[in-house]
């Protein structure tokens, strides 16, 4: 065991050795898996919604995209307040099958809502998360309207 002349020198060496084994920020991923999964789902939902369609469907899609973007922003704020890196973007699936895309987007929004339901002990992060819930609810309604409009269009 090493002997140190000052307590400060011992603490500096202990802190340096503790940090030496930890990965740096470039390798670090935020440790809040619910936020990560919700962000990943919402980014994929946004990609599913960003497709050409009839005007009445596109109008609903754009409203849903606006609310998905709002939810993503609020979740990023919550993750920042929770001490996580809000710039970390989990990759989305590059091989998207767009058949049934509106229903899939609805499922992804519901999945993000479930992910965010976990207990949040940081009051600031909880406020951001609660605003994200509002955006997700509005996005869900917009996608439901898009599905209804698309069904009407397909009948005629």
Protein backbone atom coordinates (compact mmCIF):
# COMPACT_ATOMS: atom_id res chain seq x y z
CA UNK A 1 0.00 0.00 0.00
CA UNK A 2 1.17 3.52 -0.83
CA UNK A 3 1.90 6.09 1.85
CA UNK A 4 0.99 9.68 1.06
CA UNK A 5 2.29 12.76 2.76
CA UNK A 6 -1.04 14.51 2.38
CA UNK A 7 -4.62 13.38 2.25
CA UNK A 8 -5.10 15.53 -0.87
CA UNK A 9 -2.51 13.55 -2.82
CA UNK A 10 -4.22 10.30 -1.85
CA UNK A 11 -7.60 11.61 -2.96
CA UNK A 12 -6.21 12.82 -6.30
CA UNK A 13 -4.68 9.41 -7.00
CA UNK A 14 -7.90 7.62 -5.98
CA UNK A 15 -10.01 9.86 -8.23
CA UNK A 16 -7.60 9.41 -11.14
CA UNK A 17 -7.57 5.63 -10.78
CA UNK A 18 -11.38 5.52 -10.52
CA UNK A 19 -11.73 7.56 -13.71
CA UNK A 20 -9.12 5.57 -15.59
CA UNK A 21 -11.38 2.53 -15.88
CA UNK A 22 -14.49 4.50 -16.76
CA UNK A 23 -15.24 5.06 -20.44
CA UNK A 24 -15.03 8.64 -21.65
CA UNK A 25 -17.99 10.71 -22.78
CA UNK A 26 -17.57 9.61 -26.41
CA UNK A 27 -18.29 6.02 -25.36
CA UNK A 28 -20.80 6.76 -22.64
CA UNK A 29 -24.47 6.20 -23.23
CA UNK A 30 -27.12 7.71 -21.02
CA UNK A 31 -28.08 5.32 -18.26
CA UNK A 32 -31.84 5.91 -18.33
CA UNK A 33 -33.06 2.99 -20.47
CA UNK A 34 -36.69 4.15 -20.48
CA UNK A 35 -35.71 7.50 -22.01
CA UNK A 36 -33.45 5.77 -24.53
CA UNK A 37 -36.11 3.33 -25.63
CA UNK A 38 -38.75 6.07 -25.83
CA UNK A 39 -36.46 8.26 -27.94
CA UNK A 40 -35.65 5.37 -30.26
CA UNK A 41 -39.36 4.51 -30.65
CA UNK A 42 -40.31 8.12 -31.31
CA UNK A 43 -37.59 8.63 -33.90
CA UNK A 44 -38.81 5.52 -35.73
CA UNK A 45 -42.44 6.67 -35.43
CA UNK A 46 -41.44 10.02 -36.93
CA UNK A 47 -39.76 8.22 -39.84
CA UNK A 48 -42.90 6.12 -40.37
CA UNK A 49 -45.09 9.22 -40.42
CA UNK A 50 -42.90 11.22 -42.79
CA UNK A 51 -44.30 9.74 -46.02
CA UNK A 52 -46.41 11.11 -48.88
CA UNK A 53 -50.16 10.52 -48.66
CA UNK A 54 -53.47 12.17 -49.51
CA UNK A 55 -53.87 15.72 -48.23
CA UNK A 56 -56.22 14.89 -45.37
CA UNK A 57 -53.89 12.11 -44.18
CA UNK A 58 -50.76 14.23 -44.61
CA UNK A 59 -52.34 17.01 -42.54
CA UNK A 60 -52.82 14.55 -39.66
CA UNK A 61 -49.36 13.09 -40.19
CA UNK A 62 -47.77 16.54 -39.93
CA UNK A 63 -49.68 17.25 -36.73
CA UNK A 64 -48.49 13.93 -35.32
CA UNK A 65 -44.88 14.65 -36.39
CA UNK A 66 -45.03 18.06 -34.68
CA UNK A 67 -46.17 16.42 -31.45
CA UNK A 68 -43.63 13.59 -31.74
CA UNK A 69 -40.91 16.23 -32.20
CA UNK A 70 -42.28 18.08 -29.17
CA UNK A 71 -42.19 14.89 -27.10
CA UNK A 72 -38.62 14.17 -28.24
CA UNK A 73 -37.60 17.67 -27.17
CA UNK A 74 -39.24 17.30 -23.75
CA UNK A 75 -37.65 13.88 -23.20
CA UNK A 76 -34.27 15.39 -24.10
CA UNK A 77 -34.87 18.16 -21.54
CA UNK A 78 -35.84 15.54 -18.95
CA UNK A 79 -32.76 13.48 -19.71
CA UNK A 80 -30.58 16.59 -19.43
CA UNK A 81 -32.15 17.47 -16.06
CA UNK A 82 -31.61 13.86 -15.05
CA UNK A 83 -27.88 14.17 -15.82
CA UNK A 84 -27.94 12.22 -19.08
CA UNK A 85 -26.49 13.22 -22.45
CA UNK A 86 -29.46 14.59 -24.45
CA UNK A 87 -27.45 14.57 -27.68
CA UNK A 88 -27.07 10.80 -27.71
CA UNK A 89 -29.24 9.42 -30.51
CA UNK A 90 -29.92 5.71 -30.60
CA UNK A 91 -29.89 4.57 -34.23
CA UNK A 92 -33.20 3.88 -35.96
CA UNK A 93 -33.82 0.88 -38.16
CA UNK A 94 -32.65 1.80 -41.66
CA UNK A 95 -34.75 -0.94 -43.28
CA UNK A 96 -38.23 0.41 -42.60
CA UNK A 97 -41.17 -1.50 -44.05
CA UNK A 98 -43.80 1.18 -44.66
CA UNK A 99 -46.75 -1.19 -45.00
CA UNK A 100 -49.05 -0.54 -42.07
CA UNK A 101 -46.87 2.43 -41.14
CA UNK A 102 -49.62 4.44 -39.43
CA UNK A 103 -50.57 1.54 -37.19
CA UNK A 104 -46.88 0.89 -36.52
CA UNK A 105 -46.37 4.58 -35.62
CA UNK A 106 -49.33 4.33 -33.24
CA UNK A 107 -47.76 1.25 -31.61
CA UNK A 108 -44.41 3.06 -31.27
CA UNK A 109 -46.05 6.08 -29.63
CA UNK A 110 -47.85 3.76 -27.18
CA UNK A 111 -44.53 2.02 -26.46
CA UNK A 112 -42.87 5.37 -25.73
CA UNK A 113 -45.72 6.26 -23.37
CA UNK A 114 -45.23 2.97 -21.51
CA UNK A 115 -41.48 3.54 -21.30
CA UNK A 116 -41.94 6.97 -19.76
CA UNK A 117 -44.38 5.74 -17.10
CA UNK A 118 -41.52 4.62 -14.86
CA UNK A 119 -41.10 6.46 -11.58
CA UNK A 120 -39.12 9.68 -11.88
CA UNK A 121 -37.51 10.98 -8.70
CA UNK A 122 -36.13 14.18 -10.23
CA UNK A 123 -38.93 16.80 -10.07
CA UNK A 124 -37.49 18.86 -12.94
CA UNK A 125 -37.21 15.81 -15.18
CA UNK A 126 -40.72 14.75 -14.15
CA UNK A 127 -42.12 18.11 -15.31
CA UNK A 128 -40.48 17.75 -18.74
CA UNK A 129 -41.65 14.15 -18.96
CA UNK A 130 -45.22 15.16 -18.12
CA UNK A 131 -45.23 17.70 -20.96
CA UNK A 132 -43.92 14.92 -23.23
CA UNK A 133 -46.96 12.82 -22.23
CA UNK A 134 -49.23 15.61 -23.48
CA UNK A 135 -47.40 15.67 -26.82
CA UNK A 136 -47.63 11.89 -27.09
CA UNK A 137 -51.37 11.97 -26.42
CA UNK A 138 -51.84 14.60 -29.13
CA UNK A 139 -49.63 12.62 -31.53
CA UNK A 140 -51.67 9.50 -30.83
CA UNK A 141 -54.91 11.36 -31.61
CA UNK A 142 -53.45 12.77 -34.84
CA UNK A 143 -52.31 9.32 -35.99
CA UNK A 144 -55.73 7.87 -35.16
CA UNK A 145 -57.29 10.62 -37.31
CA UNK A 146 -54.83 9.83 -40.12
CA UNK A 147 -55.79 6.14 -39.95
CA UNK A 148 -59.48 7.03 -40.13
CA UNK A 149 -58.91 9.43 -43.03
CA UNK A 150 -56.85 6.86 -44.89
CA UNK A 151 -59.59 4.24 -44.48
CA UNK A 152 -62.17 6.71 -45.83
CA UNK A 153 -59.91 7.50 -48.80
CA UNK A 154 -59.44 3.80 -49.56
CA UNK A 155 -63.22 3.21 -49.62
CA UNK A 156 -63.81 5.84 -52.30
